Amino acid sequence: MLHQELETLKEKLLESATLVESMIEKSIDGLLKKDKNLLLKVIEEDENRENDLEIQIDEKGIELIARYQPHAKDLRTIVMILKMNNDLERIGDEAVNIAQSALFLIERPMVKPLIDIPRMAEEAIKMLQDSIKSFLQEDSQLAREVCVRDAIVDGLRDQIWRELITFMASDPTTIERSLHLLRISRCLERVADLATNLAEDTVYIVEGEIIKHHRGNF
């Protein structure tokens, strides 16, 4: 009975992950296409669907612990699902932050062509997808690969920051717009960090090993 209910809980987590992934995609698409309605939809989804899902998963996870008093791998799985649920909620918050900055930017001329931010978003979203896939398939090797790829996103962030600092130094009128672009890059970096957290949690569930503070030893 526990395993059946645990599968239902996993399905809810997948639903949450799919939703926040869609929110990140929409926030970047809204920026690139200058689509205000798409950006407002991201904010609406966070206020309604994502927050409701977070509460449902938390309540169900706590209920399973209280009812079945699981141990070993089952307990690790439920506790990590609760932690993953919190990280997915934070990814939803980052999508809202991107949408808010995008709403400012689409009303103004772009500082520069948007090349690295879409690449950053693509990599962060793929990390999120693979972290959830590794969890559902209990694939700790894929989870470890996700952790390594965090460095790719960090490299793109550094490149964006270098370029925008140059723009702001040479033309002060670009400062406010550049700061919003920097904020978006920071949000995407956080999405990748949170996807890495999810992958680390999967390694713990499958192998019982904590790798959070040993990221150089994958």
C-alpha atoms as a PDB file:
ATOM      1  CA  MET A   1       0.000   0.000   0.000  1.00  0.00           C
ATOM      2  CA  LEU A   2       2.832   2.406   0.859  1.00  0.00           C
ATOM      3  CA  HIS A   3       4.550   1.796  -2.470  1.00  0.00           C
ATOM      4  CA  GLN A   4       1.337   2.511  -4.367  1.00  0.00           C
ATOM      5  CA  GLU A   5       0.835   5.796  -2.531  1.00  0.00           C
ATOM      6  CA  LEU A   6       4.492   6.628  -3.020  1.00  0.00           C
ATOM      7  CA  GLU A   7       4.029   6.269  -6.777  1.00  0.00           C
ATOM      8  CA  THR A   8       1.095   8.697  -6.592  1.00  0.00           C
ATOM      9  CA  LEU A   9       3.312  11.147  -4.695  1.00  0.00           C
ATOM     10  CA  LYS A  10       6.002  10.804  -7.377  1.00  0.00           C
ATOM     11  CA  GLU A  11       3.402  11.562 -10.053  1.00  0.00           C
ATOM     12  CA  LYS A  12       2.457  14.756  -8.216  1.00  0.00           C
ATOM     13  CA  LEU A  13       6.122  15.761  -8.065  1.00  0.00           C
ATOM     14  CA  LEU A  14       6.422  15.142 -11.808  1.00  0.00           C
ATOM     15  CA  GLU A  15       3.351  17.327 -12.373  1.00  0.00           C
ATOM     16  CA  SER A  16       4.980  20.124 -10.379  1.00  0.00           C
ATOM     17  CA  ALA A  17       8.279  19.740 -12.248  1.00  0.00           C
ATOM     18  CA  THR A  18       6.509  19.832 -15.611  1.00  0.00           C
ATOM     19  CA  LEU A  19       4.659  22.976 -14.591  1.00  0.00           C
ATOM     20  CA  VAL A  20       7.723  24.914 -13.417  1.00  0.00           C
ATOM     21  CA  GLU A  21       9.654  23.802 -16.510  1.00  0.00           C
ATOM     22  CA  SER A  22       6.844  25.241 -18.636  1.00  0.00           C
ATOM     23  CA  MET A  23       6.929  28.454 -16.599  1.00  0.00           C
ATOM     24  CA  ILE A  24      10.653  28.932 -17.254  1.00  0.00           C
ATOM     25  CA  GLU A  25      10.134  28.281 -20.976  1.00  0.00           C
ATOM     26  CA  LYS A  26       7.252  30.766 -21.140  1.00  0.00           C
ATOM     27  CA  SER A  27       9.182  33.454 -19.276  1.00  0.00           C
ATOM     28  CA  ILE A  28      12.057  33.236 -21.783  1.00  0.00           C
ATOM     29  CA  ASP A  29       9.714  32.945 -24.789  1.00  0.00           C
ATOM     30  CA  GLY A  30       7.788  35.964 -23.537  1.00  0.00           C
ATOM     31  CA  LEU A  31      11.028  37.933 -23.360  1.00  0.00           C
ATOM     32  CA  LEU A  32      12.219  36.884 -26.822  1.00  0.00           C
ATOM     33  CA  LYS A  33       8.826  37.378 -28.483  1.00  0.00           C
ATOM     34  CA  LYS A  34       7.938  40.469 -26.416  1.00  0.00           C
ATOM     35  CA  ASP A  35       4.685  38.731 -25.457  1.00  0.00           C
ATOM     36  CA  LYS A  36       3.187  40.424 -22.396  1.00  0.00           C
ATOM     37  CA  ASN A  37       0.309  37.942 -22.082  1.00  0.00           C
ATOM     38  CA  LEU A  38       2.705  35.008 -21.927  1.00  0.00           C
ATOM     39  CA  LEU A  39       4.684  36.690 -19.159  1.00  0.00           C
ATOM     40  CA  LEU A  40       1.546  37.475 -17.164  1.00  0.00           C
ATOM     41  CA  LYS A  41       0.486  33.838 -17.513  1.00  0.00           C
ATOM     42  CA  VAL A  42       3.705  32.749 -15.772  1.00  0.00           C
ATOM     43  CA  ILE A  43       2.866  34.957 -12.788  1.00  0.00           C
ATOM     44  CA  GLU A  44      -0.709  33.673 -12.725  1.00  0.00           C
ATOM     45  CA  GLU A  45       0.394  30.020 -12.795  1.00  0.00           C
ATOM     46  CA  ASP A  46       2.688  30.548  -9.821  1.00  0.00           C
ATOM     47  CA  GLU A  47      -0.057  32.169  -7.783  1.00  0.00           C
ATOM     48  CA  ASN A  48      -2.542  29.412  -8.530  1.00  0.00           C
ATOM     49  CA  ARG A  49      -1.407  25.992  -9.774  1.00  0.00           C
ATOM     50  CA  GLU A  50       2.176  25.788  -8.486  1.00  0.00           C
ATOM     51  CA  ASN A  51       1.384  26.949  -4.961  1.00  0.00           C
ATOM     52  CA  ASP A  52      -1.542  24.492  -4.761  1.00  0.00           C
ATOM     53  CA  LEU A  53       0.653  21.606  -5.941  1.00  0.00           C
ATOM     54  CA  GLU A  54       3.327  22.448  -3.388  1.00  0.00           C
ATOM     55  CA  ILE A  55       0.797  22.251  -0.553  1.00  0.00           C
ATOM     56  CA  GLN A  56      -0.690  18.987  -1.844  1.00  0.00           C
ATOM     57  CA  ILE A  57       2.723  17.294  -2.054  1.00  0.00           C
ATOM     58  CA  ASP A  58       3.782  18.495   1.399  1.00  0.00           C
ATOM     59  CA  GLU A  59       0.554  17.307   3.004  1.00  0.00           C
ATOM     60  CA  LYS A  60       0.667  13.912   1.289  1.00  0.00           C
ATOM     61  CA  GLY A  61       4.322  13.331   2.168  1.00  0.00           C
ATOM     62  CA  ILE A  62       3.755  14.137   5.847  1.00  0.00           C
ATOM     63  CA  GLU A  63       0.669  11.919   5.857  1.00  0.00           C
ATOM     64  CA  LEU A  64       2.646   8.944   4.490  1.00  0.00           C
ATOM     65  CA  ILE A  65       5.352   9.339   7.136  1.00  0.00           C
ATOM     66  CA  ALA A  66       2.768   9.550   9.930  1.00  0.00           C
ATOM     67  CA  ARG A  67       0.668   6.639   8.677  1.00  0.00           C
ATOM     68  CA  TYR A  68       3.321   4.122   7.621  1.00  0.00           C
ATOM     69  CA  GLN A  69       6.391   5.160   9.627  1.00  0.00           C
ATOM     70  CA  PRO A  70       8.642   4.083   6.736  1.00  0.00           C
ATOM     71  CA  HIS A  71      12.341   3.342   7.099  1.00  0.00           C
ATOM     72  CA  ALA A  72      15.483   2.949   4.985  1.00  0.00           C
ATOM     73  CA  LYS A  73      14.994   3.788   1.298  1.00  0.00           C
ATOM     74  CA  ASP A  74      11.250   4.509   1.571  1.00  0.00           C
ATOM     75  CA  LEU A  75      11.873   7.096   4.264  1.00  0.00           C
ATOM     76  CA  ARG A  76      14.755   8.635   2.293  1.00  0.00           C
ATOM     77  CA  THR A  77      12.497   8.864  -0.754  1.00  0.00           C
ATOM     78  CA  ILE A  78       9.644  10.621   1.042  1.00  0.00           C
ATOM     79  CA  VAL A  79      11.941  13.067   2.848  1.00  0.00           C
ATOM     80  CA  MET A  80      13.763  13.890  -0.399  1.00  0.00           C
ATOM     81  CA  ILE A  81      10.452  14.355  -2.244  1.00  0.00           C
ATOM     82  CA  LEU A  82       9.489  16.960   0.362  1.00  0.00           C
ATOM     83  CA  LYS A  83      12.849  18.666  -0.159  1.00  0.00           C
ATOM     84  CA  MET A  84      12.525  18.459  -3.960  1.00  0.00           C
ATOM     85  CA  ASN A  85       9.048  19.938  -3.689  1.00  0.00           C
ATOM     86  CA  ASN A  86      10.492  23.001  -1.979  1.00  0.00           C
ATOM     87  CA  ASP A  87      13.193  23.333  -4.655  1.00  0.00           C
ATOM     88  CA  LEU A  88      10.597  23.097  -7.444  1.00  0.00           C
ATOM     89  CA  GLU A  89       8.578  25.842  -5.758  1.00  0.00           C
ATOM     90  CA  ARG A  90      11.720  27.990  -5.746  1.00  0.00           C
ATOM     91  CA  ILE A  91      12.206  27.313  -9.467  1.00  0.00           C
ATOM     92  CA  GLY A  92       8.662  28.582  -9.988  1.00  0.00           C
ATOM     93  CA  ASP A  93       9.617  31.728  -8.074  1.00  0.00           C
ATOM     94  CA  GLU A  94      12.633  32.212 -10.359  1.00  0.00           C
ATOM     95  CA  ALA A  95      10.333  31.933 -13.394  1.00  0.00           C
ATOM     96  CA  VAL A  96       8.211  34.729 -11.932  1.00  0.00           C
ATOM     97  CA  ASN A  97      11.317  36.861 -11.340  1.00  0.00           C
ATOM     98  CA  ILE A  98      12.332  36.366 -14.983  1.00  0.00           C
ATOM     99  CA  ALA A  99       8.825  37.257 -16.160  1.00  0.00           C
ATOM    100  CA  GLN A 100       8.812  40.440 -14.066  1.00  0.00           C
ATOM    101  CA  SER A 101      12.134  41.616 -15.498  1.00  0.00           C
ATOM    102  CA  ALA A 102      10.985  40.640 -18.981  1.00  0.00           C
ATOM    103  CA  LEU A 103       7.860  42.770 -18.577  1.00  0.00           C
ATOM    104  CA  PHE A 104      10.178  45.735 -17.977  1.00  0.00           C
ATOM    105  CA  LEU A 105      12.503  44.893 -20.873  1.00  0.00           C
ATOM    106  CA  ILE A 106       9.942  44.242 -23.613  1.00  0.00           C
ATOM    107  CA  GLU A 107       8.755  47.857 -23.374  1.00  0.00           C
ATOM    108  CA  ARG A 108      12.252  49.179 -24.106  1.00  0.00           C
ATOM    109  CA  PRO A 109      15.007  48.762 -26.732  1.00  0.00           C
ATOM    110  CA  MET A 110      17.268  45.774 -26.103  1.00  0.00           C
ATOM    111  CA  VAL A 111      20.784  46.496 -24.850  1.00  0.00           C
ATOM    112  CA  LYS A 112      22.192  43.733 -27.064  1.00  0.00           C
ATOM    113  CA  PRO A 113      20.939  40.738 -29.061  1.00  0.00           C
ATOM    114  CA  LEU A 114      19.813  37.973 -26.720  1.00  0.00           C
ATOM    115  CA  ILE A 115      22.092  35.034 -27.494  1.00  0.00           C
ATOM    116  CA  ASP A 116      23.562  33.690 -24.260  1.00  0.00           C
ATOM    117  CA  ILE A 117      20.414  34.018 -22.123  1.00  0.00           C
ATOM    118  CA  PRO A 118      18.414  31.629 -24.362  1.00  0.00           C
ATOM    119  CA  ARG A 119      21.387  29.225 -24.339  1.00  0.00           C
ATOM    120  CA  MET A 120      21.521  29.464 -20.556  1.00  0.00           C
ATOM    121  CA  ALA A 121      17.793  28.797 -20.325  1.00  0.00           C
ATOM    122  CA  GLU A 122      18.033  25.804 -22.649  1.00  0.00           C
ATOM    123  CA  GLU A 123      20.801  24.214 -20.581  1.00  0.00           C
ATOM    124  CA  ALA A 124      19.085  24.920 -17.237  1.00  0.00           C
ATOM    125  CA  ILE A 125      15.788  23.450 -18.494  1.00  0.00           C
ATOM    126  CA  LYS A 126      17.567  20.337 -19.786  1.00  0.00           C
ATOM    127  CA  MET A 127      19.240  19.947 -16.391  1.00  0.00           C
ATOM    128  CA  LEU A 128      15.835  20.158 -14.725  1.00  0.00           C
ATOM    129  CA  GLN A 129      14.380  17.578 -17.123  1.00  0.00           C
ATOM    130  CA  ASP A 130      17.265  15.172 -16.562  1.00  0.00           C
ATOM    131  CA  SER A 131      17.233  15.596 -12.795  1.00  0.00           C
ATOM    132  CA  ILE A 132      13.561  14.591 -12.702  1.00  0.00           C
ATOM    133  CA  LYS A 133      14.197  11.752 -15.158  1.00  0.00           C
ATOM    134  CA  SER A 134      17.037  10.472 -12.970  1.00  0.00           C
ATOM    135  CA  PHE A 135      14.723  10.555  -9.948  1.00  0.00           C
ATOM    136  CA  LEU A 136      11.854   8.702 -11.626  1.00  0.00           C
ATOM    137  CA  GLN A 137      14.196   6.083 -13.113  1.00  0.00           C
ATOM    138  CA  GLU A 138      16.443   5.927 -10.030  1.00  0.00           C
ATOM    139  CA  ASP A 139      19.390   6.624 -12.317  1.00  0.00           C
ATOM    140  CA  SER A 140      22.151   7.951 -10.071  1.00  0.00           C
ATOM    141  CA  GLN A 141      24.659   8.108 -12.942  1.00  0.00           C
ATOM    142  CA  LEU A 142      22.445  10.529 -14.888  1.00  0.00           C
ATOM    143  CA  ALA A 143      21.976  12.515 -11.677  1.00  0.00           C
ATOM    144  CA  ARG A 144      25.749  12.834 -11.280  1.00  0.00           C
ATOM    145  CA  GLU A 145      26.043  14.011 -14.903  1.00  0.00           C
ATOM    146  CA  VAL A 146      23.494  16.753 -14.197  1.00  0.00           C
ATOM    147  CA  CYS A 147      25.653  17.995 -11.320  1.00  0.00           C
ATOM    148  CA  VAL A 148      28.693  18.301 -13.584  1.00  0.00           C
ATOM    149  CA  ARG A 149      26.743  20.336 -16.175  1.00  0.00           C
ATOM    150  CA  ASP A 150      26.093  23.109 -13.654  1.00  0.00           C
ATOM    151  CA  ALA A 151      29.510  24.485 -14.626  1.00  0.00           C
ATOM    152  CA  ILE A 152      28.259  25.114 -18.189  1.00  0.00           C
ATOM    153  CA  VAL A 153      25.518  27.415 -16.920  1.00  0.00           C
ATOM    154  CA  ASP A 154      27.955  29.195 -14.608  1.00  0.00           C
ATOM    155  CA  GLY A 155      30.252  29.831 -17.582  1.00  0.00           C
ATOM    156  CA  LEU A 156      27.440  31.375 -19.622  1.00  0.00           C
ATOM    157  CA  ARG A 157      26.473  33.545 -16.651  1.00  0.00           C
ATOM    158  CA  ASP A 158      30.032  34.846 -16.336  1.00  0.00           C
ATOM    159  CA  GLN A 159      30.102  35.689 -20.042  1.00  0.00           C
ATOM    160  CA  ILE A 160      26.818  37.596 -19.817  1.00  0.00           C
ATOM    161  CA  TRP A 161      28.040  39.539 -16.793  1.00  0.00           C
ATOM    162  CA  ARG A 162      31.310  40.522 -18.486  1.00  0.00           C
ATOM    163  CA  GLU A 163      29.503  41.802 -21.578  1.00  0.00           C
ATOM    164  CA  LEU A 164      26.855  43.745 -19.679  1.00  0.00           C
ATOM    165  CA  ILE A 165      29.349  45.364 -17.318  1.00  0.00           C
ATOM    166  CA  THR A 166      31.181  46.617 -20.412  1.00  0.00           C
ATOM    167  CA  PHE A 167      27.933  48.035 -21.819  1.00  0.00           C
ATOM    168  CA  MET A 168      27.055  49.783 -18.553  1.00  0.00           C
ATOM    169  CA  ALA A 169      30.546  51.273 -18.214  1.00  0.00           C
ATOM    170  CA  SER A 170      30.513  52.692 -21.752  1.00  0.00           C
ATOM    171  CA  ASP A 171      26.866  53.862 -21.793  1.00  0.00           C
ATOM    172  CA  PRO A 172      25.162  54.688 -18.470  1.00  0.00           C
ATOM    173  CA  THR A 173      21.748  54.822 -20.195  1.00  0.00           C
ATOM    174  CA  THR A 174      21.891  51.027 -20.467  1.00  0.00           C
ATOM    175  CA  ILE A 175      22.341  50.444 -16.739  1.00  0.00           C
ATOM    176  CA  GLU A 176      18.720  49.801 -15.736  1.00  0.00           C
ATOM    177  CA  ARG A 177      18.059  47.473 -18.673  1.00  0.00           C
ATOM    178  CA  SER A 178      21.362  45.702 -18.122  1.00  0.00           C
ATOM    179  CA  LEU A 179      20.545  45.130 -14.468  1.00  0.00           C
ATOM    180  CA  HIS A 180      17.327  43.374 -15.461  1.00  0.00           C
ATOM    181  CA  LEU A 181      19.269  41.162 -17.875  1.00  0.00           C
ATOM    182  CA  LEU A 182      21.756  40.407 -15.098  1.00  0.00           C
ATOM    183  CA  ARG A 183      18.827  39.507 -12.859  1.00  0.00           C
ATOM    184  CA  ILE A 184      17.501  37.084 -15.484  1.00  0.00           C
ATOM    185  CA  SER A 185      20.903  35.430 -15.829  1.00  0.00           C
ATOM    186  CA  ARG A 186      21.097  35.102 -12.053  1.00  0.00           C
ATOM    187  CA  CYS A 187      17.628  33.514 -11.995  1.00  0.00           C
ATOM    188  CA  LEU A 188      18.657  30.972 -14.632  1.00  0.00           C
ATOM    189  CA  GLU A 189      21.798  30.215 -12.656  1.00  0.00           C
ATOM    190  CA  ARG A 190      19.572  29.531  -9.642  1.00  0.00           C
ATOM    191  CA  VAL A 191      17.370  27.208 -11.725  1.00  0.00           C
ATOM    192  CA  ALA A 192      20.473  25.214 -12.655  1.00  0.00           C
ATOM    193  CA  ASP A 193      21.601  25.183  -9.006  1.00  0.00           C
ATOM    194  CA  LEU A 194      18.196  23.910  -7.901  1.00  0.00           C
ATOM    195  CA  ALA A 195      18.190  21.262 -10.646  1.00  0.00           C
ATOM    196  CA  THR A 196      21.574  20.194  -9.274  1.00  0.00           C
ATOM    197  CA  ASN A 197      20.028  19.943  -5.804  1.00  0.00           C
ATOM    198  CA  LEU A 198      17.359  17.629  -7.218  1.00  0.00           C
ATOM    199  CA  ALA A 199      20.044  15.453  -8.808  1.00  0.00           C
ATOM    200  CA  GLU A 200      22.004  15.304  -5.550  1.00  0.00           C
ATOM    201  CA  ASP A 201      18.828  14.203  -3.762  1.00  0.00           C
ATOM    202  CA  THR A 202      18.408  11.393  -6.289  1.00  0.00           C
ATOM    203  CA  VAL A 203      21.935  10.139  -5.608  1.00  0.00           C
ATOM    204  CA  TYR A 204      21.102  10.092  -1.899  1.00  0.00           C
ATOM    205  CA  ILE A 205      17.848   8.172  -2.479  1.00  0.00           C
ATOM    206  CA  VAL A 206      19.456   5.564  -4.735  1.00  0.00           C
ATOM    207  CA  GLU A 207      22.900   5.179  -3.163  1.00  0.00           C
ATOM    208  CA  GLY A 208      22.445   6.568   0.328  1.00  0.00           C
ATOM    209  CA  GLU A 209      25.435   8.863  -0.318  1.00  0.00           C
ATOM    210  CA  ILE A 210      25.433  12.584   0.365  1.00  0.00           C
ATOM    211  CA  ILE A 211      27.363  14.387  -2.397  1.00  0.00           C
ATOM    212  CA  LYS A 212      26.197  17.955  -1.745  1.00  0.00           C
ATOM    213  CA  HIS A 213      29.523  19.148  -0.358  1.00  0.00           C
ATOM    214  CA  HIS A 214      31.660  17.036  -2.682  1.00  0.00           C
ATOM    215  CA  ARG A 215      30.712  18.392  -6.096  1.00  0.00           C
ATOM    216  CA  GLY A 216      34.184  17.925  -7.487  1.00  0.00           C
ATOM    217  CA  ASN A 217      34.112  14.160  -6.911  1.00  0.00           C
ATOM    218  CA  PHE A 218      31.482  12.835  -9.323  1.00  0.00           C
END
